[in-house]
Protein backbone atom coordinates (compact mmCIF):
# COMPACT_ATOMS: atom_id res chain seq x y z
CA MET A 1 -30.82 27.90 -10.76
CA THR A 2 -29.82 26.10 -7.52
CA GLU A 3 -31.87 26.21 -4.27
CA ASN A 4 -29.24 28.55 -2.79
CA GLN A 5 -29.59 30.98 -5.63
CA PHE A 6 -33.39 30.81 -5.51
CA SER A 7 -33.28 31.39 -1.73
CA LYS A 8 -31.05 34.60 -2.23
CA ARG A 9 -33.57 35.82 -4.92
CA VAL A 10 -36.56 35.30 -2.56
CA LYS A 11 -34.69 36.97 0.46
CA SER A 12 -33.69 39.99 -1.68
CA TYR A 13 -37.24 40.45 -2.88
CA ILE A 14 -38.86 40.09 0.51
CA GLU A 15 -36.23 42.35 2.31
CA LYS A 16 -37.08 45.16 -0.11
CA ALA A 17 -40.81 44.55 0.01
CA ILE A 18 -41.16 44.56 3.82
CA ARG A 19 -38.92 47.56 4.19
CA GLU A 20 -41.12 49.35 1.67
CA ARG A 21 -44.13 48.52 3.87
CA GLY A 22 -42.58 49.85 7.04
CA PHE A 23 -40.95 46.79 8.68
CA SER A 24 -37.57 48.24 9.07
CA SER A 25 -36.82 46.36 12.27
CA ILE A 26 -37.44 42.91 10.84
CA LYS A 27 -34.29 40.99 9.80
CA ILE A 28 -34.11 38.21 7.27
CA LYS A 29 -31.44 35.50 7.39
CA GLU A 30 -30.56 32.50 5.40
CA LYS A 31 -29.71 29.01 6.83
CA VAL A 32 -30.53 29.57 10.49
CA ASN A 33 -30.81 27.01 13.21
CA ILE A 34 -34.12 27.37 14.83
CA LEU A 35 -35.05 25.75 18.20
CA ASN A 36 -37.55 23.06 17.46
CA SER A 37 -37.62 20.86 20.50
CA LEU A 38 -36.81 20.61 24.21
CA ALA A 39 -36.16 17.09 25.86
CA ILE A 40 -35.01 15.99 29.25
CA GLY A 41 -32.41 13.20 29.14
CA LYS A 42 -29.20 11.93 30.46
CA VAL A 43 -26.08 13.46 29.02
CA LYS A 44 -22.80 12.01 30.27
CA SER A 45 -24.86 10.49 33.14
CA LYS A 46 -26.48 13.74 34.23
CA TRP A 47 -30.06 14.84 33.72
CA LYS A 48 -30.21 17.78 31.41
CA ILE A 49 -32.63 19.83 29.29
CA VAL A 50 -31.58 19.18 25.77
CA LEU A 51 -32.28 21.75 23.22
CA GLY A 52 -32.75 20.72 19.51
CA PHE A 53 -32.25 22.71 16.44
CA LEU A 54 -33.15 22.37 12.80
CA GLU A 55 -31.71 24.53 9.96
CA GLN A 56 -34.33 26.54 8.10
CA ASP A 57 -33.95 28.34 4.73
CA LEU A 58 -35.18 31.75 5.33
CA VAL A 59 -36.22 33.23 8.63
CA LEU A 60 -37.77 36.55 9.43
CA TYR A 61 -37.02 37.83 13.05
CA GLU A 62 -36.64 40.68 15.22
CA ASP A 63 -35.42 39.27 18.53
CA GLU A 64 -32.73 36.69 19.66
CA ILE A 65 -31.49 35.29 22.89
CA ASN A 66 -27.84 34.99 23.54
CA ILE A 67 -27.15 31.36 24.27
CA ASN A 68 -24.38 32.22 26.80
CA GLU A 69 -27.30 33.66 29.02
CA LEU A 70 -28.84 30.22 29.12
CA LYS A 71 -25.82 28.13 29.85
CA SER A 72 -25.89 26.09 32.96
CA GLU A 73 -25.07 22.78 34.21
CA LYS A 74 -28.66 21.61 33.57
CA ILE A 75 -28.95 22.68 29.92
CA PHE A 76 -27.28 20.92 27.06
CA ILE A 77 -26.83 23.15 24.01
CA PRO A 78 -25.46 21.44 20.88
CA ARG A 79 -22.53 22.86 18.97
CA ALA A 80 -24.68 23.08 15.97
CA THR A 81 -26.07 26.41 17.12
CA LYS A 82 -23.34 28.22 15.03
CA ASP A 83 -24.87 31.67 15.77
CA LYS A 84 -24.70 31.35 19.45
CA LYS A 85 -28.22 32.66 19.50
CA ILE A 86 -31.63 31.36 19.84
CA ILE A 87 -33.43 33.39 17.08
CA ILE A 88 -37.18 34.13 17.80
CA PRO A 89 -38.76 33.47 14.31
CA LEU A 90 -41.63 35.51 13.14
CA ALA A 91 -41.89 33.69 9.79
CA ILE A 92 -40.01 30.80 8.24
CA LEU A 93 -39.80 30.20 4.58
CA GLU A 94 -38.87 26.79 3.09
CA VAL A 95 -37.81 27.25 -0.42
CA LYS A 96 -37.52 24.60 -3.01
CA ILE A 97 -36.74 24.38 -6.73
CA GLY A 98 -40.06 23.36 -8.44
CA LYS A 99 -38.61 20.57 -10.58
CA ASN A 100 -37.23 18.99 -7.37
CA VAL A 101 -40.39 19.22 -5.27
CA GLN A 102 -41.74 15.90 -4.23
CA THR A 103 -44.75 15.06 -2.00
CA HIS A 104 -42.21 13.83 0.60
CA HIS A 105 -41.37 17.47 1.11
CA PHE A 106 -44.74 18.28 2.16
CA ILE A 107 -44.69 15.50 4.80
CA THR A 108 -41.16 16.36 6.06
CA TYR A 109 -41.49 20.15 6.22
CA GLY A 110 -45.07 19.95 7.55
CA SER A 111 -43.84 17.98 10.43
CA ILE A 112 -41.09 20.51 11.05
CA ALA A 113 -43.49 23.43 10.74
CA ARG A 114 -45.61 21.73 13.51
CA GLU A 115 -42.55 21.17 15.71
CA ILE A 116 -41.35 24.78 15.46
CA LYS A 117 -44.85 26.22 15.86
CA SER A 118 -45.22 24.27 19.03
CA VAL A 119 -42.21 26.16 20.40
CA PHE A 120 -42.87 29.52 18.65
CA PRO A 121 -46.58 29.86 18.46
CA ASN A 122 -46.45 33.15 16.68
CA CYS A 123 -44.26 31.96 13.88
CA ALA A 124 -45.75 31.54 10.39
CA TYR A 125 -44.31 28.79 8.13
CA TYR A 126 -44.47 28.96 4.38
CA PHE A 127 -43.53 26.54 1.83
CA ILE A 128 -42.39 28.30 -1.61
CA SER A 129 -41.51 26.66 -4.77
CA SER A 130 -39.96 28.31 -7.68
CA GLY A 131 -42.44 26.61 -9.99
CA SER A 132 -41.65 24.55 -13.11
CA GLU A 133 -42.84 22.07 -15.49
CA LYS A 134 -43.52 19.64 -12.64
CA THR A 135 -46.71 20.48 -10.80
CA PHE A 136 -49.08 18.53 -8.74
CA SER A 137 -52.68 17.70 -9.59
CA GLU A 138 -55.38 18.98 -7.19
CA ALA A 139 -56.02 15.32 -6.26
CA THR A 140 -52.31 14.77 -5.23
CA LEU A 141 -52.42 17.97 -3.10
CA LEU A 142 -55.61 16.95 -1.47
CA LYS A 143 -54.11 13.47 -0.64
CA HIS A 144 -51.55 15.34 1.34
CA ALA A 145 -53.90 17.87 2.87
CA ARG A 146 -53.12 16.58 6.42
CA TYR A 147 -49.58 17.67 5.97
CA LEU A 148 -50.26 20.81 3.96
CA LYS A 149 -52.39 22.17 6.79
CA GLU A 150 -49.44 22.61 9.05
CA PHE A 151 -48.04 25.39 6.68
CA ASP A 152 -49.54 28.85 6.95
CA SER A 153 -49.53 28.96 3.18
CA VAL A 154 -48.05 26.92 0.30
CA PHE A 155 -47.10 28.76 -2.82
CA MET A 156 -46.11 26.53 -5.89
CA ASP A 157 -44.98 29.14 -8.24
CA TRP A 158 -42.84 32.12 -6.92
CA GLU A 159 -43.04 34.35 -9.89
CA LYS A 160 -46.71 34.23 -10.14
CA ASP A 161 -47.23 34.23 -6.23
CA LYS A 162 -44.70 36.55 -4.96
CA GLU A 163 -47.05 39.44 -4.27
CA LYS A 164 -49.39 37.00 -2.43
CA VAL A 165 -46.37 35.94 -0.33
CA ILE A 166 -45.67 39.58 0.58
CA GLY A 167 -49.37 40.13 1.27
CA SER A 168 -49.54 37.13 3.53
CA LEU A 169 -46.24 37.93 5.36
CA VAL A 170 -47.28 41.65 5.85
CA SER A 171 -50.60 40.54 7.22
CA HIS A 172 -48.89 38.15 9.64
CA LEU A 173 -46.28 40.76 10.77
CA GLU A 174 -49.08 43.29 11.35
CA ARG A 175 -51.18 40.79 13.34
CA ILE A 176 -48.23 39.83 15.69
CA LYS A 177 -47.11 43.57 16.04
CA SER A 178 -50.66 44.32 17.38
CA LYS A 179 -50.39 41.73 20.17
């Protein structure tokens, strides 16, 4: 199974599960560019606010902002924002095939989770592995605890953990809906 196939499988399961639990307004989309940073710098010799985006595997969201509403001489929006929208994420799921998971993923995606949550503080960020013969010892995971803490949850075996994923997502969605 490829990562794209796994992503589609997770998406399909979560879509059905959250609909059954009454979250019909929540959309889920694959391969979405999410705003992760703002910087001020010179672009073509003019000071501008520069928006940074990173592609995320699965994004649950309800609202979005049309980029055309933000366009101005003072804001630089990269062409990479293929949807021409800034999606306001409620939850992001980084999915990986278990046999390919490396501790480097925890470092990289932990950092990305921190960046995105600094822009969208109500967004939960989950790391989900398909599970496989390759697993990490408790000692290895503890060594990387400083990176793992950036995730709201880490699930290392989708088949075993998918109901926990749904429970965590539903809890998160209920919490932010009540705000």
